[in-house]
Protein backbone atom coordinates (compact mmCIF):
# COMPACT_ATOMS: atom_id res chain seq x y z
CA MET A 1 112.07 231.00 -81.46
CA PRO A 2 112.70 229.90 -84.80
CA ALA A 3 115.09 232.15 -85.16
CA LEU A 4 116.65 231.12 -81.90
CA THR A 5 116.28 227.47 -82.94
CA GLY A 6 118.16 228.28 -86.29
CA TRP A 7 120.94 230.33 -84.73
CA ARG A 8 121.70 227.22 -82.34
CA GLN A 9 121.65 224.82 -85.80
CA ARG A 10 124.32 227.23 -87.46
CA ALA A 11 126.04 227.53 -84.27
CA ALA A 12 126.33 223.61 -84.01
CA ALA A 13 127.86 223.84 -87.04
CA TYR A 14 131.18 225.18 -85.92
CA LEU A 15 131.52 222.36 -82.67
CA PRO A 16 133.39 219.28 -82.68
CA ASP A 17 131.38 216.07 -82.78
CA ILE A 18 131.39 213.38 -80.56
CA PRO A 19 134.63 211.12 -81.04
CA HIS A 20 134.34 207.41 -81.60
CA THR A 21 137.84 206.84 -81.15
CA ARG A 22 139.37 204.85 -77.55
CA PRO A 23 142.16 206.52 -75.95
CA HIS A 24 144.47 203.53 -76.82
CA GLU A 25 143.72 204.76 -80.53
CA TRP A 26 144.84 207.63 -79.36
CA LEU A 27 148.08 206.63 -78.43
CA ARG A 28 148.93 203.83 -81.01
CA ALA A 29 148.36 206.83 -83.85
CA SER A 30 150.40 209.15 -82.25
CA ILE A 31 153.29 206.64 -81.63
CA GLY A 32 152.84 205.51 -85.45
CA ALA A 33 152.85 208.85 -87.05
CA SER A 34 156.29 210.07 -84.91
CA LEU A 35 158.39 207.13 -85.94
CA ALA A 36 157.71 206.90 -89.50
CA PHE A 37 158.32 210.86 -89.59
CA LEU A 38 161.30 210.23 -87.68
CA LEU A 39 162.55 207.17 -89.78
CA SER A 40 161.11 208.97 -93.37
CA ALA A 41 163.18 212.19 -92.30
CA ILE A 42 166.36 210.19 -91.51
CA THR A 43 166.05 207.77 -94.26
CA CYS A 44 166.01 210.72 -97.06
CA GLY A 45 168.55 212.49 -94.84
CA LEU A 46 171.21 210.00 -95.25
CA LEU A 47 170.34 209.51 -98.83
CA PHE A 48 169.76 213.01 -99.57
CA GLY A 49 171.37 215.38 -97.62
CA SER A 50 169.36 216.78 -93.83
CA SER A 51 168.80 220.50 -95.76
CA VAL A 52 167.04 218.64 -98.81
CA ALA A 53 165.02 216.54 -96.18
CA LEU A 54 163.93 219.13 -93.87
CA HIS A 55 162.23 221.03 -97.25
CA PHE A 56 159.89 217.97 -97.68
CA ALA A 57 159.09 217.69 -93.70
CA GLY A 58 155.90 219.74 -93.75
CA PRO A 59 154.24 217.33 -96.17
CA TRP A 60 155.71 214.14 -94.94
CA ALA A 61 154.54 215.48 -90.96
CA ALA A 62 150.73 215.93 -92.34
CA SER A 63 151.14 212.89 -94.50
CA ALA A 64 152.03 210.69 -91.44
CA PHE A 65 149.01 212.25 -89.39
CA LEU A 66 146.73 210.83 -92.24
CA LEU A 67 148.66 207.21 -92.32
CA PHE A 68 147.95 206.57 -88.89
CA ALA A 69 145.22 208.86 -87.21
CA VAL A 70 142.27 208.15 -90.05
CA SER A 71 143.96 205.39 -91.78
CA SER A 72 141.04 203.88 -92.78
CA GLY A 73 139.95 207.26 -94.85
CA ALA A 74 139.93 207.13 -98.68
CA LEU A 75 142.39 210.21 -97.99
CA ALA A 76 145.02 208.17 -96.51
CA GLN A 77 145.12 205.06 -98.93
CA PRO A 78 148.58 203.82 -100.35
CA TRP A 79 147.40 205.34 -103.84
CA SER A 80 146.35 208.35 -102.47
CA VAL A 81 149.64 209.36 -100.71
CA ILE A 82 151.96 208.16 -103.53
CA GLY A 83 149.78 209.18 -106.73
CA SER A 84 149.32 212.86 -104.93
CA TYR A 85 152.87 213.07 -104.38
CA LEU A 86 153.52 211.98 -108.27
CA CYS A 87 151.03 214.85 -109.43
CA ALA A 88 152.40 217.23 -107.44
CA SER A 89 156.00 217.07 -108.78
CA LEU A 90 154.97 216.58 -112.13
CA VAL A 91 153.04 219.72 -112.04
CA ALA A 92 155.55 221.89 -109.88
CA LEU A 93 158.03 220.50 -112.76
CA LEU A 94 156.50 221.50 -116.03
CA LEU A 95 155.55 225.29 -114.16
CA GLY A 96 159.27 225.28 -113.48
CA PHE A 97 159.91 225.43 -117.51
CA TRP A 98 157.98 228.51 -117.81
CA LEU A 99 157.29 230.63 -114.48
CA PRO A 100 159.78 231.46 -111.90
CA ALA A 101 159.60 230.22 -108.30
CA GLY A 102 157.26 232.65 -106.69
CA VAL A 103 153.79 232.80 -104.62
CA VAL A 104 152.14 232.79 -108.27
CA SER A 105 153.45 229.71 -109.68
CA ALA A 106 153.23 227.77 -106.09
CA ALA A 107 149.28 228.85 -106.07
CA LEU A 108 148.95 227.41 -109.64
CA ALA A 109 150.75 224.30 -108.66
CA LEU A 110 148.54 223.84 -105.65
CA GLY A 111 145.49 224.12 -108.12
CA LEU A 112 146.96 222.20 -110.82
CA SER A 113 147.85 219.64 -108.71
CA LEU A 114 144.30 219.20 -107.10
CA LEU A 115 142.45 219.32 -110.24
CA LEU A 116 144.78 216.34 -111.81
CA MET A 117 144.37 214.28 -108.44
CA TYR A 118 140.36 214.06 -108.69
CA PRO A 119 140.34 212.26 -111.90
CA LEU A 120 143.33 209.91 -110.77
CA ARG A 121 141.11 209.22 -107.74
CA CYS A 122 144.57 210.54 -105.49
CA LEU A 123 143.08 213.08 -103.50
CA HIS A 124 145.52 213.65 -100.36
CA PRO A 125 145.64 217.19 -98.98
CA PRO A 126 149.63 216.77 -98.19
CA GLY A 127 150.31 216.57 -102.21
CA GLY A 128 149.07 220.30 -102.03
CA ALA A 129 151.56 221.32 -99.61
CA LEU A 130 154.10 219.07 -101.61
CA ALA A 131 153.03 221.14 -104.98
CA PHE A 132 154.04 224.36 -102.78
CA CYS A 133 157.38 223.11 -101.27
CA MET A 134 158.32 221.46 -105.18
CA VAL A 135 158.05 224.89 -106.65
CA PHE A 136 160.99 226.02 -104.10
CA ALA A 137 163.13 222.69 -104.70
CA ALA A 138 166.16 224.23 -106.75
CA PRO A 139 168.10 220.61 -108.12
CA LEU A 140 171.57 220.51 -106.89
CA PRO A 141 174.46 222.22 -109.14
CA GLY A 142 174.91 219.65 -112.18
CA GLU A 143 171.80 217.54 -111.64
CA PRO A 144 168.51 217.21 -113.83
CA ALA A 145 165.45 219.02 -113.12
CA TRP A 146 163.83 215.60 -112.58
CA MET A 147 166.04 214.80 -109.77
CA ALA A 148 164.42 217.62 -107.53
CA PRO A 149 161.31 215.50 -106.85
CA LEU A 150 162.95 212.21 -106.12
CA PRO A 151 163.54 213.10 -102.11
CA ALA A 152 160.03 213.79 -101.72
CA ILE A 153 158.77 210.86 -103.72
CA CYS A 154 161.14 208.68 -101.30
CA GLY A 155 159.69 209.71 -97.80
CA GLY A 156 156.32 209.14 -99.15
CA LEU A 157 157.27 205.55 -100.04
CA VAL A 158 159.10 205.43 -96.56
CA LEU A 159 155.99 206.37 -95.14
CA VAL A 160 153.62 204.21 -96.80
CA LEU A 161 155.78 201.24 -95.96
CA LEU A 162 156.11 202.22 -92.47
CA ALA A 163 152.46 202.61 -92.10
CA VAL A 164 151.59 198.92 -93.72
CA LEU A 165 153.76 197.33 -91.24
CA PHE A 166 152.98 199.33 -88.29
CA ASN A 167 149.43 199.51 -88.52
CA ASN A 168 148.87 195.71 -88.92
CA LEU A 169 151.35 195.12 -86.48
CA THR A 170 148.66 196.78 -84.18
CA ARG A 171 145.80 195.00 -85.40
CA MET A 172 144.84 198.05 -87.64
CA PRO A 173 144.17 196.52 -91.33
CA TYR A 174 145.94 198.91 -93.59
CA PRO A 175 145.69 199.41 -96.63
CA ARG A 176 142.22 198.91 -96.60
CA GLN A 177 140.75 195.70 -98.26
CA ARG A 178 137.60 195.79 -101.03
CA THR A 179 135.27 193.22 -99.52
CA ILE A 180 134.59 190.64 -101.88
CA GLN A 181 131.51 188.39 -100.83
CA LYS A 182 131.80 184.21 -100.94
CA ASP A 183 129.85 182.51 -103.00
CA ASP A 184 128.72 179.98 -101.55
CA HIS A 185 126.25 178.84 -103.72
CA HIS A 186 128.07 179.90 -107.26
CA THR A 187 125.23 181.83 -108.91
CA ARG A 188 124.68 185.24 -109.80
CA ASP A 189 121.83 186.21 -107.32
CA PRO A 190 123.14 188.33 -104.02
CA ALA A 191 123.58 186.94 -101.02
CA PRO A 192 120.10 186.28 -99.27
CA GLY A 193 120.69 189.23 -96.76
CA GLU A 194 121.65 191.41 -99.38
CA ARG A 195 118.10 190.96 -101.58
CA VAL A 196 116.41 193.40 -99.19
CA GLY A 197 116.89 196.30 -97.97
CA ILE A 198 119.85 198.67 -98.67
CA GLN A 199 121.49 197.54 -101.61
CA ALA A 200 124.91 198.74 -103.00
CA GLU A 201 123.03 200.55 -106.12
CA ASP A 202 121.41 202.41 -103.07
CA LEU A 203 124.97 203.64 -101.68
CA ASP A 204 126.10 204.94 -105.13
CA GLN A 205 123.30 207.03 -105.82
CA ALA A 206 123.20 208.44 -102.64
CA LEU A 207 126.82 209.07 -102.56
CA ASP A 208 125.84 210.92 -106.32
CA GLU A 209 123.65 212.88 -104.41
CA LEU A 210 125.60 214.37 -102.14
CA GLY A 211 127.82 215.78 -104.80
CA ALA A 212 131.00 215.89 -102.66
CA PHE A 213 133.98 214.24 -101.56
CA VAL A 214 133.67 211.80 -98.31
CA ASP A 215 136.70 210.68 -96.98
CA ILE A 216 135.32 207.10 -96.40
CA THR A 217 135.77 204.30 -98.69
CA ARG A 218 132.75 203.04 -100.44
CA ASP A 219 133.15 199.33 -98.65
CA ASP A 220 133.64 201.04 -95.41
CA LEU A 221 130.44 202.89 -95.83
CA GLU A 222 128.35 199.77 -96.52
CA ARG A 223 129.73 198.00 -93.47
CA LEU A 224 128.89 200.93 -91.39
CA VAL A 225 125.23 201.09 -92.87
CA ARG A 226 124.85 197.44 -92.72
CA SER A 227 125.88 197.22 -89.50
CA THR A 228 124.02 199.80 -88.30
CA GLU A 229 120.62 197.91 -89.64
CA ARG A 230 121.94 194.96 -87.34
CA HIS A 231 122.63 197.22 -84.30
CA ALA A 232 119.02 198.49 -84.78
CA LEU A 233 117.47 194.68 -85.62
CA ARG A 234 119.36 193.46 -82.59
CA ARG A 235 117.28 196.51 -80.11
CA SER A 236 114.10 195.61 -81.59
CA MET A 237 114.24 191.58 -81.23
CA GLY A 238 115.12 192.03 -77.93
CA ASP A 239 117.29 189.34 -75.89
CA THR A 240 116.73 186.85 -78.20
CA ARG A 241 119.46 184.03 -77.44
CA ALA A 242 120.77 181.03 -79.07
CA ARG A 243 119.90 178.95 -76.00
CA GLN A 244 116.35 179.72 -76.26
CA MET A 245 116.33 178.63 -79.72
CA MET A 246 118.37 175.34 -80.08
CA SER A 247 117.54 171.65 -79.85
CA ARG A 248 118.73 170.18 -76.88
CA ASP A 249 117.99 166.44 -77.63
CA LEU A 250 121.16 165.78 -80.06
CA VAL A 251 121.68 162.84 -82.37
CA CYS A 252 125.48 162.94 -82.36
CA ALA A 253 127.87 160.20 -83.84
CA ALA A 254 131.91 159.48 -83.35
CA PRO A 255 134.65 159.61 -86.01
CA GLU A 256 134.78 156.07 -86.18
CA THR A 257 131.20 155.67 -87.02
CA PRO A 258 130.85 154.17 -90.41
CA VAL A 259 128.98 156.14 -93.33
CA ARG A 260 126.27 153.95 -93.75
CA ASP A 261 125.32 154.22 -90.00
CA ALA A 262 125.56 157.93 -90.36
CA LEU A 263 123.13 157.85 -93.23
CA ARG A 264 120.36 155.79 -91.11
CA LEU A 265 120.61 158.62 -88.42
CA LEU A 266 120.04 161.58 -90.80
CA VAL A 267 117.41 159.22 -92.25
CA LYS A 268 115.47 158.31 -89.08
CA HIS A 269 115.86 161.67 -87.18
CA HIS A 270 115.23 163.49 -90.61
CA LEU A 271 118.59 165.82 -89.94
CA LYS A 272 120.34 167.59 -92.38
CA ALA A 273 123.75 167.46 -90.50
CA LEU A 274 125.50 165.18 -87.80
CA PRO A 275 127.60 166.63 -84.95
CA ILE A 276 130.94 164.62 -84.41
CA LEU A 277 132.02 164.08 -81.07
CA ASP A 278 135.53 162.24 -79.89
CA GLU A 279 135.57 160.06 -76.59
CA GLU A 280 135.66 163.53 -74.43
CA ARG A 281 132.33 164.64 -76.01
CA ARG A 282 134.20 167.48 -77.53
CA LEU A 283 133.02 168.67 -81.10
CA VAL A 284 135.72 167.57 -83.40
CA GLY A 285 133.47 167.85 -86.81
CA ILE A 286 130.12 167.86 -88.80
CA VAL A 287 129.13 166.28 -91.49
CA SER A 288 125.96 166.73 -93.73
CA LEU A 289 124.15 164.29 -96.04
CA VAL A 290 126.43 165.76 -98.96
CA ASP A 291 129.42 165.06 -97.11
CA LEU A 292 128.17 161.25 -96.97
CA LEU A 293 127.09 160.73 -100.49
CA ALA A 294 130.04 162.53 -102.10
CA PRO A 295 133.07 162.92 -99.86
CA ARG A 296 135.32 165.76 -100.90
CA ARG A 297 138.62 163.86 -102.24
CA LYS A 298 141.12 164.29 -105.14
CA GLY A 299 139.85 162.54 -108.28
CA GLY A 300 138.63 162.27 -111.47
CA ARG A 301 135.35 162.80 -112.81
CA PHE A 302 134.68 158.85 -112.55
CA LYS A 303 135.79 158.79 -108.71
CA ARG A 304 133.37 161.08 -107.95
CA LEU A 305 130.31 159.58 -109.50
CA LEU A 306 131.33 156.94 -107.30
CA GLY A 307 130.80 158.44 -104.55
CA SER A 308 128.02 160.46 -105.63
CA LEU A 309 126.29 156.86 -106.13
CA GLY A 310 126.65 156.04 -102.51
CA LEU A 311 129.47 153.26 -103.20
CA ARG A 312 132.15 154.38 -100.63
CA ARG A 313 129.79 153.69 -97.46
CA ASP A 314 132.64 151.42 -95.83
CA ARG A 315 134.20 154.77 -94.93
CA VAL A 316 134.03 156.28 -91.44
CA LEU A 317 133.08 159.65 -90.57
CA GLY A 318 136.50 160.84 -89.55
CA GLN A 319 137.17 160.58 -93.50
CA VAL A 320 134.62 162.89 -94.55
CA MET A 321 133.36 165.34 -91.98
CA SER A 322 134.28 168.68 -92.36
CA SER A 323 136.40 170.33 -89.51
CA PRO A 324 136.84 172.63 -87.96
CA VAL A 325 133.27 173.63 -87.00
CA LEU A 326 131.41 176.97 -87.32
CA HIS A 327 129.85 177.12 -84.18
CA VAL A 328 128.05 179.89 -81.69
CA GLU A 329 128.23 180.10 -78.21
CA ALA A 330 124.79 179.76 -76.21
CA ASP A 331 124.63 183.43 -75.35
CA ALA A 332 124.97 184.81 -78.84
CA HIS A 333 122.73 186.74 -80.13
CA ALA A 334 119.36 186.00 -82.56
CA VAL A 335 120.79 188.47 -85.33
CA GLU A 336 124.63 187.30 -85.28
CA LEU A 337 122.86 183.53 -86.36
CA ILE A 338 121.13 185.04 -89.45
CA PRO A 339 124.10 185.72 -91.92
CA LEU A 340 125.43 182.27 -91.19
CA LEU A 341 122.19 180.37 -91.42
CA SER A 342 121.41 182.46 -94.74
CA ASP A 343 124.43 184.00 -96.47
CA ARG A 344 126.41 181.12 -95.72
CA GLY A 345 124.42 178.48 -96.75
CA LEU A 346 124.30 176.44 -93.67
CA HIS A 347 121.95 174.15 -92.29
CA CYS A 348 122.53 173.83 -88.84
CA LEU A 349 124.87 176.10 -86.04
CA PRO A 350 126.44 173.58 -83.24
CA VAL A 351 126.28 175.52 -79.50
CA LEU A 352 128.86 175.50 -77.28
CA GLU A 353 128.86 176.49 -73.65
CA GLY A 354 131.91 176.18 -71.54
CA GLY A 355 133.66 174.15 -74.80
CA GLU A 356 130.74 171.63 -74.27
CA LEU A 357 128.17 170.77 -77.22
CA VAL A 358 124.62 171.36 -75.33
CA GLY A 359 122.70 172.18 -78.40
CA VAL A 360 122.28 172.72 -82.01
CA ILE A 361 120.08 175.68 -84.10
CA THR A 362 118.50 175.25 -87.61
CA GLN A 363 117.39 177.11 -90.17
CA THR A 364 113.75 176.03 -88.68
CA ASP A 365 114.54 177.28 -85.54
CA LEU A 366 115.76 180.46 -86.61
CA ILE A 367 113.01 181.10 -89.08
CA ALA A 368 110.64 180.03 -85.68
CA ALA A 369 112.21 182.83 -83.54
CA LEU A 370 111.65 185.32 -86.17
CA HIS A 371 108.20 184.70 -86.54
CA ARG A 372 107.86 184.82 -82.64
CA ASP A 373 109.52 188.09 -82.93
CA LEU A 374 107.11 189.35 -85.97
CA LEU A 375 103.81 188.49 -83.98
CA ALA A 376 105.19 190.35 -80.93
CA HIS A 377 105.61 193.15 -82.59
CA LEU A 378 102.16 192.83 -84.77
CA GLY A 379 100.77 192.68 -81.29
């Protein structure tokens, strides 16, 4: 029986994994790859001749495949494409000075190009095919040898440009942007949600232990792990929604409410923020105690000091409120509220249903809900 199980495991390694893409993404990628390859070949054909364009058609087609089918992968980023093309061209040109064009020189060009791409962080498989093609790409009569790579590199640039345009127009962000965490507290501490659980150092160590190239950017890997954590937490918390946690008896104000009256409301009801509604009861803004005591406006240090001392209480809330307001829907899951009320540093979140303000969730409400969930698991 153990032998049979081991055989099944080995056999399963040859079977494809379940795809996590949708048919509309397949269609999007196929249309983009076809158009990009066609336009790249036409452009280079007009500039350098159709025979030259056909000579490099193979690497271009493979690059187009990666740029549109797996545009989020590390192998498909702009530097990977252009850098690999440059490496392949440089290696092929240098070998051409000492070795005649043939299978041996092509194999050397392939291996040396790969060796150069690793430290330069531009690994791109079609670059290996380009190295092979470049060995047999003789310059035109009367042209210097360094002119031979121009058509290939030109085609690569066209492919990257079209990938940037097409992918972003079809709502596929390209190239992948590095994630920069917003520092709302202006301290060196990581965001509250990143102080426990998996951290950036853990990902780096795991990648080092793997010891092999992984075709996924580190930022995408971190997003994937944290998204998995959120889904697991959401499953464990059941169906706790915003409507179950929110406060319903609300204290609100209008844009015409004087700052001095808003201060009295905050102190009387022990609130940290005050929703602002217009005449039609629509949420148009929100003010906190900080907004009221130190209105955000341009001016010198003396003017800001006067505001912090509360000497501008003659102003109205419409002049100091924050707008638009970050809010959640009544059906939002509790897990969606955690990063908003912790990492973003918000003290409360307005809750809307059908565009109407129906409640407010504070950090205290969220803590109470998490406490109830913890007691349920311990019980």
